[in-house]
Protein backbone atom coordinates (compact mmCIF):
# COMPACT_ATOMS: atom_id res chain seq x y z
CA MET A 1 0.00 0.00 0.00
CA LYS A 2 1.34 3.41 -1.00
CA ASN A 3 2.40 5.60 1.90
CA ILE A 4 0.44 8.82 2.29
CA PRO A 5 2.67 11.88 2.87
CA PRO A 6 1.97 13.74 6.13
CA TYR A 7 1.31 16.97 4.20
CA THR A 8 1.22 18.63 0.80
CA ILE A 9 1.97 22.30 0.16
CA ILE A 10 -1.04 24.40 -0.88
CA PHE A 11 0.62 27.84 -0.97
CA GLU A 12 3.97 29.33 -0.03
CA ASN A 13 5.61 32.74 -0.10
CA ASP A 14 8.38 34.48 1.86
CA ASP A 15 6.13 35.05 4.89
CA PHE A 16 4.04 31.92 5.40
CA ILE A 17 3.27 28.44 4.15
CA ALA A 18 -0.13 26.72 3.95
CA VAL A 19 -0.29 22.93 3.88
CA ASN A 20 -2.92 20.22 3.61
CA LYS A 21 -2.36 17.96 6.64
CA THR A 22 -3.30 14.31 6.71
CA SER A 23 -5.33 12.86 9.56
CA GLY A 24 -3.23 11.46 12.42
CA VAL A 25 -0.47 14.08 12.32
CA SER A 26 -0.17 16.62 15.16
CA VAL A 27 0.21 20.28 14.19
CA GLY A 28 2.65 20.88 17.05
CA GLY A 29 3.42 19.77 20.57
CA ASP A 30 1.08 20.72 23.38
CA ARG A 31 0.85 19.96 27.04
CA TRP A 32 -0.62 16.49 26.53
CA ASP A 33 0.49 15.44 23.04
CA GLU A 34 4.22 15.19 22.37
CA ALA A 35 3.84 13.10 19.22
CA LYS A 36 7.04 12.17 17.40
CA GLU A 37 5.56 13.10 14.02
CA ARG A 38 4.75 16.78 14.36
CA LEU A 39 3.91 18.99 11.43
CA ASP A 40 5.97 21.95 12.64
CA ARG A 41 9.10 19.80 12.96
CA LEU A 42 8.51 18.12 9.60
CA LEU A 43 8.26 21.50 7.89
CA GLU A 44 11.39 22.83 9.58
CA ARG A 45 13.24 19.71 8.46
CA ASP A 46 11.99 19.94 4.87
CA LEU A 47 12.31 23.71 4.42
CA LYS A 48 15.71 23.77 6.17
CA LYS A 49 16.34 27.52 5.83
CA HIS A 50 13.27 28.64 7.74
CA LYS A 51 12.21 28.70 11.35
CA ILE A 52 8.54 27.67 11.48
CA TYR A 53 6.03 29.42 13.77
CA THR A 54 2.69 27.81 14.58
CA VAL A 55 -0.17 30.26 13.90
CA HIS A 56 -3.21 28.08 14.67
CA ARG A 57 -4.08 24.42 15.18
CA ILE A 58 -6.53 21.78 14.06
CA ASP A 59 -7.09 18.45 15.82
CA LYS A 60 -4.62 15.65 15.21
CA GLU A 61 -7.46 13.51 13.83
CA THR A 62 -8.70 16.27 11.51
CA SER A 63 -7.27 16.60 8.02
CA GLY A 64 -6.92 19.80 6.04
CA LEU A 65 -5.55 23.30 5.88
CA VAL A 66 -3.00 24.66 8.35
CA ILE A 67 -0.95 27.86 8.09
CA PHE A 68 2.54 28.38 9.51
CA ALA A 69 4.51 31.64 9.58
CA LYS A 70 8.13 31.89 8.47
CA ASN A 71 9.09 34.94 10.54
CA ARG A 72 8.13 36.59 13.82
CA GLU A 73 6.32 39.56 12.30
CA THR A 74 4.06 37.40 10.14
CA HIS A 75 3.48 35.08 13.09
CA ARG A 76 2.36 38.00 15.24
CA ASN A 77 0.10 39.47 12.53
CA LEU A 78 -1.56 36.17 11.58
CA SER A 79 -1.98 35.08 15.20
CA CYS A 80 -3.71 38.39 16.00
CA ALA A 81 -5.96 37.98 12.97
CA PHE A 82 -7.08 34.54 14.16
CA GLU A 83 -7.60 35.74 17.74
CA GLN A 84 -9.61 38.77 16.58
CA ARG A 85 -11.78 36.57 14.33
CA LYS A 86 -10.65 38.31 11.15
CA VAL A 87 -9.95 34.94 9.52
CA LYS A 88 -12.86 32.95 8.07
CA LYS A 89 -12.70 29.16 8.26
CA ARG A 90 -14.76 26.54 6.46
CA TYR A 91 -14.85 22.82 7.23
CA THR A 92 -16.47 19.76 5.69
CA ALA A 93 -17.93 17.29 8.18
CA ILE A 94 -19.54 13.92 7.57
CA VAL A 95 -21.95 13.17 10.39
CA HIS A 96 -24.40 10.57 11.60
CA GLY A 97 -28.07 11.14 10.93
CA ARG A 98 -30.16 13.34 8.68
CA PRO A 99 -30.73 16.85 10.10
CA SER A 100 -34.26 18.20 9.95
CA TRP A 101 -32.75 21.62 9.16
CA LYS A 102 -30.86 23.14 6.23
CA GLU A 103 -29.11 25.73 8.37
CA MET A 104 -28.37 25.79 12.09
CA ILE A 105 -26.43 27.99 14.49
CA CYS A 106 -24.97 26.38 17.62
CA ASP A 107 -23.68 28.80 20.25
CA LEU A 108 -23.36 26.57 23.29
CA PRO A 109 -20.46 27.70 25.56
CA LEU A 110 -17.53 25.30 25.76
CA VAL A 111 -14.75 24.53 28.23
CA PRO A 112 -12.13 21.74 28.55
CA ASN A 113 -13.21 19.36 31.29
CA GLY A 114 -9.69 18.36 32.32
CA ASN A 115 -10.19 14.60 32.17
CA LYS A 116 -7.62 12.13 30.85
CA LYS A 117 -9.19 12.13 27.38
CA HIS A 118 -8.88 15.94 27.20
CA MET A 119 -12.47 16.38 26.14
CA THR A 120 -14.37 19.63 25.76
CA ILE A 121 -17.78 19.96 27.37
CA ILE A 122 -20.76 22.29 27.24
CA ASP A 123 -20.98 24.45 30.37
CA LYS A 124 -23.28 27.47 30.46
CA TYR A 125 -21.61 28.78 33.62
CA ARG A 126 -17.88 28.25 33.02
CA GLY A 127 -17.83 27.82 29.26
CA LYS A 128 -16.39 30.39 26.85
CA GLU A 129 -18.41 31.94 24.04
CA SER A 130 -18.49 29.53 21.10
CA LYS A 131 -20.36 29.71 17.81
CA THR A 132 -20.58 27.42 14.78
CA LEU A 133 -22.77 27.78 11.69
CA PHE A 134 -23.84 24.52 10.06
CA PHE A 135 -25.28 23.98 6.58
CA CYS A 136 -26.58 20.56 5.51
CA GLN A 137 -25.38 19.89 1.96
CA MET A 138 -26.66 16.35 1.33
CA SER A 139 -27.80 13.15 3.02
CA ALA A 140 -27.87 9.46 2.15
CA GLY A 141 -28.95 6.61 4.38
CA ASN A 142 -28.10 7.63 7.91
CA TYR A 143 -25.24 9.97 6.97
CA SER A 144 -25.04 13.65 6.02
CA VAL A 145 -22.41 16.04 4.70
CA LEU A 146 -22.29 19.36 6.53
CA GLU A 147 -20.48 22.60 5.90
CA ALA A 148 -19.26 24.03 9.22
CA LEU A 149 -18.20 27.64 9.72
CA PRO A 150 -16.72 28.16 13.20
CA GLU A 151 -16.74 31.80 14.27
CA THR A 152 -14.70 30.99 17.39
CA GLY A 153 -11.82 28.55 17.77
CA ARG A 154 -12.42 26.40 20.85
CA ILE A 155 -10.80 22.98 21.16
CA HIS A 156 -12.95 20.32 19.44
CA GLN A 157 -15.60 23.00 18.82
CA ILE A 158 -17.16 21.59 15.64
CA ARG A 159 -17.14 18.06 17.01
CA VAL A 160 -18.85 19.02 20.28
CA HIS A 161 -21.39 21.32 18.64
CA ALA A 162 -22.29 18.74 15.98
CA ALA A 163 -22.73 16.06 18.64
CA SER A 164 -24.89 18.40 20.74
CA LEU A 165 -27.26 18.72 17.77
CA GLY A 166 -27.61 14.95 17.64
CA HIS A 167 -25.29 14.53 14.65
CA PRO A 168 -21.80 13.54 15.81
CA VAL A 169 -18.99 13.44 13.28
CA VAL A 170 -18.45 9.91 11.97
CA CYS A 171 -15.62 7.85 13.48
CA ASP A 172 -15.33 10.23 16.43
CA GLU A 173 -14.13 8.20 19.42
CA LEU A 174 -14.58 11.07 21.88
CA TYR A 175 -17.99 12.50 21.03
CA GLY A 176 -19.67 9.88 18.86
CA LYS A 177 -19.18 6.33 17.66
CA PRO A 178 -15.71 4.85 17.00
CA SER A 179 -17.06 2.76 14.11
CA THR A 180 -16.02 2.82 10.44
CA VAL A 181 -18.25 3.84 7.51
CA LYS A 182 -18.94 1.19 4.89
CA LEU A 183 -20.83 1.54 1.62
CA SER A 184 -23.17 -1.30 2.59
CA SER A 185 -24.41 0.74 5.55
CA PHE A 186 -26.20 3.28 3.35
CA LYS A 187 -26.40 1.91 -0.22
CA ARG A 188 -29.46 -0.33 -0.44
CA SER A 189 -28.43 -1.94 -3.72
CA TRP A 190 -25.04 -3.03 -2.39
CA ARG A 191 -24.45 -6.72 -3.16
CA GLY A 192 -20.83 -7.28 -2.20
CA ASP A 193 -19.24 -9.75 0.18
CA PRO A 194 -19.64 -8.41 3.75
CA PHE A 195 -16.53 -10.30 4.84
CA GLU A 196 -14.39 -8.71 2.13
CA GLU A 197 -15.79 -5.17 2.25
CA LYS A 198 -13.32 -2.47 3.21
CA PRO A 199 -14.47 0.74 4.93
CA LEU A 200 -14.71 3.95 2.95
CA LEU A 201 -13.67 5.89 6.04
CA SER A 202 -12.06 4.73 9.26
CA ARG A 203 -10.88 8.03 10.74
CA LEU A 204 -12.53 11.25 11.91
CA GLY A 205 -14.72 12.63 9.13
CA LEU A 206 -13.68 16.26 9.53
CA HIS A 207 -11.63 18.33 7.07
CA ALA A 208 -10.42 21.94 7.28
CA LEU A 209 -11.38 22.95 3.77
CA GLU A 210 -10.81 26.66 3.42
CA ILE A 211 -9.31 29.75 5.07
CA THR A 212 -9.91 33.34 3.99
CA LEU A 213 -7.32 35.80 5.30
CA PRO A 214 -8.05 39.44 6.24
CA ASP A 215 -6.67 40.68 2.88
CA GLY A 216 -9.23 38.53 1.05
CA GLN A 217 -6.85 35.78 -0.02
CA THR A 218 -8.63 32.42 0.09
CA LEU A 219 -6.74 29.16 0.47
CA THR A 220 -8.44 25.81 -0.20
CA SER A 221 -7.26 22.28 0.54
CA PRO A 222 -8.91 19.42 -1.40
CA LEU A 223 -10.54 16.61 0.53
CA ALA A 224 -8.34 13.63 1.27
CA ARG A 225 -9.01 10.60 -0.92
CA ASP A 226 -10.94 8.69 1.75
CA MET A 227 -13.30 11.55 2.61
CA ALA A 228 -13.72 12.49 -1.06
CA ALA A 229 -14.70 8.90 -1.89
CA LEU A 230 -17.34 8.85 0.85
CA VAL A 231 -18.74 12.26 -0.14
CA ASN A 232 -18.95 11.11 -3.77
CA GLN A 233 -20.85 7.97 -2.79
CA ILE A 234 -23.29 9.99 -0.69
CA LYS A 235 -23.75 12.38 -3.62
CA LYS A 236 -24.55 9.51 -6.01
CA ILE A 237 -27.26 8.19 -3.72
CA THR A 238 -28.76 11.58 -2.82
């Protein structure tokens, strides 16, 4: 089986680099995840001449777009833009269930609960302001494809908000079901061998699709092959 590279470059200039990260690779070390394969270290190794500065993060299990600065000034400017919500982010999420709505706003306050799994919980007293806009794009069987636009950047925000609406992201071990997604589970005409069938998706069905910077520049990272295959199958059945 062909090895999947940990990232591909989407855009690069003298000030920053944007990459499409694969699922399972940490953006950078944090207080509970000192993974050996870290995206910041991989970039520093590959770029050689540049010190890499982490601007923002996405979950280890999430694939998609991540931006890193190449100098302190750009790091400061981009970090401030993210903190001040001047950067627009768009995600694709594959979730369980078929929402009864086309659009939904979830603004439940969130806070890390401090347990060993490092989960985020809804807490109306201690939680910080959190807001995610969801748009249902298509459904097939008991699965749906959502567009998620987080206006804040809390840890696991999209995953917790989606689960709170009754539609957890597929293959989410923390907030949903740790199962895989197979074609036979939503295609009625499927006639294959259940013992030979391979899952279409066996990792978190969440992808950081697009970032629009304050100057209007929009960067887009294509869906990984596994998520793209599942979305295409859902589209065929819709």
